[in-house]
């Protein structure tokens, strides 16, 4: 799942080498964190958060298949 999020995020930004995707566990939920150059955050979030919502939808659909809970955070 991390590879999927990283691939999507790197395709959206102008500086893909600065994209970092990591995960941590919080209770029974895996939290995937996306970090990118602050100039590229708008590209990942999208207009009115539409791209971020789409990323979360894809990740959650993949997680349901595996039977786990996942959250996606976009950080500076």
PDB file of N, CA and C in Angstrom:
ATOM      1  N   UNK A   1       0.806  -1.184   0.000  1.00  0.00           N
ATOM      2  CA  UNK A   1       0.000   0.000   0.000  1.00  0.00           C
ATOM      3  C   UNK A   1       0.856   1.259   0.000  1.00  0.00           C
ATOM      4  N   UNK A   2       1.953   1.214   0.739  1.00  0.00           N
ATOM      5  CA  UNK A   2       2.852   2.378   0.761  1.00  0.00           C
ATOM      6  C   UNK A   2       3.386   2.685  -0.628  1.00  0.00           C
ATOM      7  N   UNK A   3       3.703   1.639  -1.367  1.00  0.00           N
ATOM      8  CA  UNK A   3       4.242   1.833  -2.711  1.00  0.00           C
ATOM      9  C   UNK A   3       3.207   2.500  -3.615  1.00  0.00           C
ATOM     10  N   UNK A   4       1.952   2.119  -3.464  1.00  0.00           N
ATOM     11  CA  UNK A   4       0.877   2.710  -4.249  1.00  0.00           C
ATOM     12  C   UNK A   4       0.739   4.200  -3.949  1.00  0.00           C
ATOM     13  N   UNK A   5       0.718   4.559  -2.678  1.00  0.00           N
ATOM     14  CA  UNK A   5       0.594   5.967  -2.286  1.00  0.00           C
ATOM     15  C   UNK A   5       1.799   6.755  -2.769  1.00  0.00           C
ATOM     16  N   UNK A   6       2.981   6.183  -2.632  1.00  0.00           N
ATOM     17  CA  UNK A   6       4.199   6.866  -3.076  1.00  0.00           C
ATOM     18  C   UNK A   6       4.173   7.094  -4.592  1.00  0.00           C
ATOM     19  N   UNK A   7       3.757   6.106  -5.336  1.00  0.00           N
ATOM     20  CA  UNK A   7       3.677   6.234  -6.787  1.00  0.00           C
ATOM     21  C   UNK A   7       2.705   7.339  -7.188  1.00  0.00           C
ATOM     22  N   UNK A   8       1.541   7.353  -6.586  1.00  0.00           N
ATOM     23  CA  UNK A   8       0.546   8.386  -6.900  1.00  0.00           C
ATOM     24  C   UNK A   8       1.082   9.765  -6.551  1.00  0.00           C
ATOM     25  N   UNK A   9       1.641   9.921  -5.358  1.00  0.00           N
ATOM     26  CA  UNK A   9       2.131  11.223  -4.915  1.00  0.00           C
ATOM     27  C   UNK A   9       3.275  11.729  -5.799  1.00  0.00           C
ATOM     28  N   UNK A  10       4.191  10.845  -6.160  1.00  0.00           N
ATOM     29  CA  UNK A  10       5.328  11.262  -6.982  1.00  0.00           C
ATOM     30  C   UNK A  10       4.902  11.682  -8.382  1.00  0.00           C
ATOM     31  N   UNK A  11       3.842  11.100  -8.901  1.00  0.00           N
ATOM     32  CA  UNK A  11       3.351  11.472 -10.227  1.00  0.00           C
ATOM     33  C   UNK A  11       2.667  12.847 -10.215  1.00  0.00           C
ATOM     34  N   UNK A  12       2.208  13.281  -9.059  1.00  0.00           N
ATOM     35  CA  UNK A  12       1.479  14.541  -8.970  1.00  0.00           C
ATOM     36  C   UNK A  12       2.373  15.764  -8.797  1.00  0.00           C
ATOM     37  N   UNK A  13       3.546  15.599  -8.214  1.00  0.00           N
ATOM     38  CA  UNK A  13       4.374  16.734  -7.807  1.00  0.00           C
ATOM     39  C   UNK A  13       5.437  17.090  -8.835  1.00  0.00           C
ATOM     40  N   UNK A  14       6.042  18.273  -8.655  1.00  0.00           N
ATOM     41  CA  UNK A  14       7.121  18.709  -9.538  1.00  0.00           C
ATOM     42  C   UNK A  14       8.485  18.265  -9.029  1.00  0.00           C
ATOM     43  N   UNK A  15       8.584  17.955  -7.736  1.00  0.00           N
ATOM     44  CA  UNK A  15       9.837  17.496  -7.137  1.00  0.00           C
ATOM     45  C   UNK A  15       9.620  16.121  -6.492  1.00  0.00           C
ATOM     46  N   UNK A  16       9.546  15.067  -7.306  1.00  0.00           N
ATOM     47  CA  UNK A  16       9.244  13.737  -6.757  1.00  0.00           C
ATOM     48  C   UNK A  16      10.310  13.199  -5.806  1.00  0.00           C
ATOM     49  N   UNK A  17      11.527  13.688  -5.924  1.00  0.00           N
ATOM     50  CA  UNK A  17      12.590  13.201  -5.038  1.00  0.00           C
ATOM     51  C   UNK A  17      12.378  13.640  -3.592  1.00  0.00           C
ATOM     52  N   UNK A  18      11.522  14.640  -3.364  1.00  0.00           N
ATOM     53  CA  UNK A  18      11.270  15.131  -2.008  1.00  0.00           C
ATOM     54  C   UNK A  18      10.040  14.505  -1.361  1.00  0.00           C
ATOM     55  N   UNK A  19       9.379  13.602  -2.060  1.00  0.00           N
ATOM     56  CA  UNK A  19       8.204  12.931  -1.510  1.00  0.00           C
ATOM     57  C   UNK A  19       8.657  11.798  -0.600  1.00  0.00           C
ATOM     58  N   UNK A  20       8.106  11.772   0.599  1.00  0.00           N
ATOM     59  CA  UNK A  20       8.396  10.704   1.556  1.00  0.00           C
ATOM     60  C   UNK A  20       7.068  10.127   2.038  1.00  0.00           C
ATOM     61  N   UNK A  21       6.961   8.831   1.997  1.00  0.00           N
ATOM     62  CA  UNK A  21       5.751   8.153   2.472  1.00  0.00           C
ATOM     63  C   UNK A  21       6.176   7.183   3.571  1.00  0.00           C
ATOM     64  N   UNK A  22       5.522   7.293   4.705  1.00  0.00           N
ATOM     65  CA  UNK A  22       5.836   6.406   5.824  1.00  0.00           C
ATOM     66  C   UNK A  22       4.527   5.947   6.464  1.00  0.00           C
ATOM     67  N   UNK A  23       4.643   4.979   7.344  1.00  0.00           N
ATOM     68  CA  UNK A  23       3.433   4.501   8.029  1.00  0.00           C
ATOM     69  C   UNK A  23       3.738   4.266   9.493  1.00  0.00           C
ATOM     70  N   UNK A  24       2.690   4.308  10.267  1.00  0.00           N
ATOM     71  CA  UNK A  24       2.778   4.002  11.691  1.00  0.00           C
ATOM     72  C   UNK A  24       1.456   3.386  12.101  1.00  0.00           C
ATOM     73  N   UNK A  25       1.468   2.702  13.210  1.00  0.00           N
ATOM     74  CA  UNK A  25       0.235   2.077  13.681  1.00  0.00           C
ATOM     75  C   UNK A  25      -0.291   2.844  14.876  1.00  0.00           C
ATOM     76  N   UNK A  26      -1.574   3.136  14.839  1.00  0.00           N
ATOM     77  CA  UNK A  26      -2.239   3.861  15.917  1.00  0.00           C
ATOM     78  C   UNK A  26      -3.444   3.025  16.336  1.00  0.00           C
ATOM     79  N   UNK A  27      -3.280   2.236  17.370  1.00  0.00           N
ATOM     80  CA  UNK A  27      -4.347   1.317  17.763  1.00  0.00           C
ATOM     81  C   UNK A  27      -4.484   0.221  16.722  1.00  0.00           C
ATOM     82  N   UNK A  28      -5.685   0.074  16.168  1.00  0.00           N
ATOM     83  CA  UNK A  28      -5.883  -0.938  15.127  1.00  0.00           C
ATOM     84  C   UNK A  28      -5.921  -0.316  13.730  1.00  0.00           C
ATOM     85  N   UNK A  29      -5.437   0.912  13.608  1.00  0.00           N
ATOM     86  CA  UNK A  29      -5.436   1.623  12.329  1.00  0.00           C
ATOM     87  C   UNK A  29      -4.008   1.923  11.888  1.00  0.00           C
ATOM     88  N   UNK A  30      -3.725   1.660  10.614  1.00  0.00           N
ATOM     89  CA  UNK A  30      -2.450   2.058  10.033  1.00  0.00           C
ATOM     90  C   UNK A  30      -2.603   3.468   9.479  1.00  0.00           C
ATOM     91  N   UNK A  31      -1.679   4.339   9.832  1.00  0.00           N
ATOM     92  CA  UNK A  31      -1.710   5.717   9.347  1.00  0.00           C
ATOM     93  C   UNK A  31      -0.574   5.878   8.350  1.00  0.00           C
ATOM     94  N   UNK A  32      -0.926   6.241   7.128  1.00  0.00           N
ATOM     95  CA  UNK A  32       0.067   6.491   6.080  1.00  0.00           C
ATOM     96  C   UNK A  32       0.261   7.994   5.993  1.00  0.00           C
ATOM     97  N   UNK A  33       1.511   8.425   6.124  1.00  0.00           N
ATOM     98  CA  UNK A  33       1.834   9.856   6.092  1.00  0.00           C
ATOM     99  C   UNK A  33       2.568  10.200   4.808  1.00  0.00           C
ATOM    100  N   UNK A  34       2.112  11.254   4.157  1.00  0.00           N
ATOM    101  CA  UNK A  34       2.756  11.739   2.939  1.00  0.00           C
ATOM    102  C   UNK A  34       3.394  13.075   3.271  1.00  0.00           C
ATOM    103  N   UNK A  35       4.690  13.166   3.016  1.00  0.00           N
ATOM    104  CA  UNK A  35       5.415  14.425   3.189  1.00  0.00           C
ATOM    105  C   UNK A  35       5.970  14.830   1.824  1.00  0.00           C
ATOM    106  N   UNK A  36       5.874  16.132   1.526  1.00  0.00           N
ATOM    107  CA  UNK A  36       6.377  16.630   0.248  1.00  0.00           C
ATOM    108  C   UNK A  36       6.825  18.073   0.427  1.00  0.00           C
ATOM    109  N   UNK A  37       7.479  18.575  -0.585  1.00  0.00           N
ATOM    110  CA  UNK A  37       7.876  19.976  -0.606  1.00  0.00           C
ATOM    111  C   UNK A  37       6.624  20.825  -0.428  1.00  0.00           C
ATOM    112  N   UNK A  38       6.729  21.894   0.363  1.00  0.00           N
ATOM    113  CA  UNK A  38       5.532  22.686   0.654  1.00  0.00           C
ATOM    114  C   UNK A  38       4.932  23.319  -0.602  1.00  0.00           C
ATOM    115  N   UNK A  39       5.728  23.528  -1.633  1.00  0.00           N
ATOM    116  CA  UNK A  39       5.200  24.061  -2.887  1.00  0.00           C
ATOM    117  C   UNK A  39       4.350  23.032  -3.623  1.00  0.00           C
ATOM    118  N   UNK A  40       4.556  21.750  -3.344  1.00  0.00           N
ATOM    119  CA  UNK A  40       3.828  20.673  -4.013  1.00  0.00           C
ATOM    120  C   UNK A  40       2.617  20.174  -3.228  1.00  0.00           C
ATOM    121  N   UNK A  41       2.436  20.638  -2.003  1.00  0.00           N
ATOM    122  CA  UNK A  41       1.324  20.146  -1.192  1.00  0.00           C
ATOM    123  C   UNK A  41      -0.022  20.418  -1.848  1.00  0.00           C
ATOM    124  N   UNK A  42      -0.155  21.558  -2.496  1.00  0.00           N
ATOM    125  CA  UNK A  42      -1.398  21.882  -3.175  1.00  0.00           C
ATOM    126  C   UNK A  42      -1.718  20.910  -4.297  1.00  0.00           C
ATOM    127  N   UNK A  43      -0.687  20.414  -4.952  1.00  0.00           N
ATOM    128  CA  UNK A  43      -0.894  19.436  -6.022  1.00  0.00           C
ATOM    129  C   UNK A  43      -1.395  18.108  -5.461  1.00  0.00           C
ATOM    130  N   UNK A  44      -0.930  17.733  -4.280  1.00  0.00           N
ATOM    131  CA  UNK A  44      -1.364  16.482  -3.665  1.00  0.00           C
ATOM    132  C   UNK A  44      -2.772  16.634  -3.082  1.00  0.00           C
ATOM    133  N   UNK A  45      -3.046  17.788  -2.508  1.00  0.00           N
ATOM    134  CA  UNK A  45      -4.366  18.011  -1.902  1.00  0.00           C
ATOM    135  C   UNK A  45      -5.420  18.255  -2.979  1.00  0.00           C
ATOM    136  N   UNK A  46      -5.084  19.039  -3.991  1.00  0.00           N
ATOM    137  CA  UNK A  46      -6.017  19.302  -5.082  1.00  0.00           C
ATOM    138  C   UNK A  46      -7.038  20.367  -4.730  1.00  0.00           C
ATOM    139  N   UNK A  47      -7.757  20.780  -5.735  1.00  0.00           N
ATOM    140  CA  UNK A  47      -8.783  21.806  -5.558  1.00  0.00           C
ATOM    141  C   UNK A  47      -9.894  21.245  -4.681  1.00  0.00           C
ATOM    142  N   UNK A  48     -10.166  21.955  -3.594  1.00  0.00           N
ATOM    143  CA  UNK A  48     -11.175  21.566  -2.610  1.00  0.00           C
ATOM    144  C   UNK A  48     -10.915  20.170  -2.024  1.00  0.00           C
ATOM    145  N   UNK A  49      -9.651  19.726  -2.061  1.00  0.00           N
ATOM    146  CA  UNK A  49      -9.276  18.447  -1.460  1.00  0.00           C
ATOM    147  C   UNK A  49      -9.684  17.230  -2.262  1.00  0.00           C
ATOM    148  N   UNK A  50      -9.997  17.419  -3.525  1.00  0.00           N
ATOM    149  CA  UNK A  50     -10.496  16.304  -4.336  1.00  0.00           C
ATOM    150  C   UNK A  50      -9.444  15.225  -4.579  1.00  0.00           C
ATOM    151  N   UNK A  51      -8.207  15.618  -4.826  1.00  0.00           N
ATOM    152  CA  UNK A  51      -7.164  14.611  -5.078  1.00  0.00           C
ATOM    153  C   UNK A  51      -6.851  13.846  -3.799  1.00  0.00           C
ATOM    154  N   UNK A  52      -6.769  14.557  -2.675  1.00  0.00           N
ATOM    155  CA  UNK A  52      -6.522  13.894  -1.394  1.00  0.00           C
ATOM    156  C   UNK A  52      -7.643  12.907  -1.087  1.00  0.00           C
ATOM    157  N   UNK A  53      -8.865  13.290  -1.364  1.00  0.00           N
ATOM    158  CA  UNK A  53     -10.001  12.398  -1.132  1.00  0.00           C
ATOM    159  C   UNK A  53      -9.909  11.163  -2.031  1.00  0.00           C
ATOM    160  N   UNK A  54      -9.498  11.358  -3.264  1.00  0.00           N
ATOM    161  CA  UNK A  54      -9.351  10.233  -4.189  1.00  0.00           C
ATOM    162  C   UNK A  54      -8.258   9.274  -3.720  1.00  0.00           C
ATOM    163  N   UNK A  55      -7.143   9.823  -3.239  1.00  0.00           N
ATOM    164  CA  UNK A  55      -6.059   8.981  -2.715  1.00  0.00           C
ATOM    165  C   UNK A  55      -6.572   8.163  -1.534  1.00  0.00           C
ATOM    166  N   UNK A  56      -7.295   8.815  -0.634  1.00  0.00           N
ATOM    167  CA  UNK A  56      -7.834   8.113   0.541  1.00  0.00           C
ATOM    168  C   UNK A  56      -8.812   7.020   0.122  1.00  0.00           C
ATOM    169  N   UNK A  57      -9.636   7.290  -0.878  1.00  0.00           N
ATOM    170  CA  UNK A  57     -10.607   6.300  -1.357  1.00  0.00           C
ATOM    171  C   UNK A  57      -9.904   5.064  -1.914  1.00  0.00           C
ATOM    172  N   UNK A  58      -8.875   5.275  -2.724  1.00  0.00           N
ATOM    173  CA  UNK A  58      -8.136   4.154  -3.309  1.00  0.00           C
ATOM    174  C   UNK A  58      -7.458   3.330  -2.212  1.00  0.00           C
ATOM    175  N   UNK A  59      -6.847   3.998  -1.258  1.00  0.00           N
ATOM    176  CA  UNK A  59      -6.150   3.293  -0.180  1.00  0.00           C
ATOM    177  C   UNK A  59      -7.137   2.512   0.683  1.00  0.00           C
ATOM    178  N   UNK A  60      -8.258   3.126   1.015  1.00  0.00           N
ATOM    179  CA  UNK A  60      -9.247   2.429   1.847  1.00  0.00           C
ATOM    180  C   UNK A  60      -9.833   1.233   1.112  1.00  0.00           C
ATOM    181  N   UNK A  61     -10.061   1.362  -0.191  1.00  0.00           N
ATOM    182  CA  UNK A  61     -10.575   0.229  -0.964  1.00  0.00           C
ATOM    183  C   UNK A  61      -9.573  -0.922  -0.967  1.00  0.00           C
ATOM    184  N   UNK A  62      -8.310  -0.599  -1.090  1.00  0.00           N
ATOM    185  CA  UNK A  62      -7.269  -1.620  -1.052  1.00  0.00           C
ATOM    186  C   UNK A  62      -7.179  -2.256   0.335  1.00  0.00           C
ATOM    187  N   UNK A  63      -7.359  -1.444   1.367  1.00  0.00           N
ATOM    188  CA  UNK A  63      -7.263  -1.944   2.740  1.00  0.00           C
ATOM    189  C   UNK A  63      -8.432  -2.850   3.092  1.00  0.00           C
ATOM    190  N   UNK A  64      -9.604  -2.556   2.566  1.00  0.00           N
ATOM    191  CA  UNK A  64     -10.776  -3.395   2.842  1.00  0.00           C
ATOM    192  C   UNK A  64     -10.520  -4.815   2.347  1.00  0.00           C
ATOM    193  N   UNK A  65      -9.879  -4.902   1.197  1.00  0.00           N
ATOM    194  CA  UNK A  65      -9.537  -6.209   0.637  1.00  0.00           C
ATOM    195  C   UNK A  65      -8.652  -7.004   1.599  1.00  0.00           C
ATOM    196  N   UNK A  66      -7.758  -6.288   2.297  1.00  0.00           N
ATOM    197  CA  UNK A  66      -6.846  -6.931   3.245  1.00  0.00           C
ATOM    198  C   UNK A  66      -7.432  -7.017   4.656  1.00  0.00           C
ATOM    199  N   UNK A  67      -8.589  -6.381   4.877  1.00  0.00           N
ATOM    200  CA  UNK A  67      -9.253  -6.437   6.177  1.00  0.00           C
ATOM    201  C   UNK A  67      -8.620  -5.568   7.236  1.00  0.00           C
ATOM    202  N   UNK A  68      -8.035  -4.437   6.844  1.00  0.00           N
ATOM    203  CA  UNK A  68      -7.412  -3.534   7.815  1.00  0.00           C
ATOM    204  C   UNK A  68      -7.977  -2.127   7.660  1.00  0.00           C
ATOM    205  N   UNK A  69      -7.808  -1.314   8.696  1.00  0.00           N
ATOM    206  CA  UNK A  69      -8.224   0.088   8.644  1.00  0.00           C
ATOM    207  C   UNK A  69      -7.002   0.943   8.325  1.00  0.00           C
ATOM    208  N   UNK A  70      -7.198   1.918   7.456  1.00  0.00           N
ATOM    209  CA  UNK A  70      -6.095   2.780   7.036  1.00  0.00           C
ATOM    210  C   UNK A  70      -6.573   4.226   7.000  1.00  0.00           C
ATOM    211  N   UNK A  71      -5.698   5.128   7.406  1.00  0.00           N
ATOM    212  CA  UNK A  71      -5.938   6.567   7.285  1.00  0.00           C
ATOM    213  C   UNK A  71      -4.745   7.175   6.550  1.00  0.00           C
ATOM    214  N   UNK A  72      -4.986   8.234   5.791  1.00  0.00           N
ATOM    215  CA  UNK A  72      -3.915   8.901   5.052  1.00  0.00           C
ATOM    216  C   UNK A  72      -3.825  10.336   5.542  1.00  0.00           C
ATOM    217  N   UNK A  73      -2.637  10.745   5.985  1.00  0.00           N
ATOM    218  CA  UNK A  73      -2.373  12.118   6.412  1.00  0.00           C
ATOM    219  C   UNK A  73      -1.380  12.754   5.461  1.00  0.00           C
ATOM    220  N   UNK A  74      -1.638  14.012   5.108  1.00  0.00           N
ATOM    221  CA  UNK A  74      -0.733  14.765   4.253  1.00  0.00           C
ATOM    222  C   UNK A  74      -0.093  15.837   5.126  1.00  0.00           C
ATOM    223  N   UNK A  75       1.228  15.765   5.265  1.00  0.00           N
ATOM    224  CA  UNK A  75       1.966  16.637   6.180  1.00  0.00           C
ATOM    225  C   UNK A  75       2.957  17.515   5.433  1.00  0.00           C
ATOM    226  N   UNK A  76       3.329  18.623   6.065  1.00  0.00           N
ATOM    227  CA  UNK A  76       4.361  19.494   5.500  1.00  0.00           C
ATOM    228  C   UNK A  76       5.719  18.966   5.832  1.00  0.00           C
TER     229      UNK A  76
END
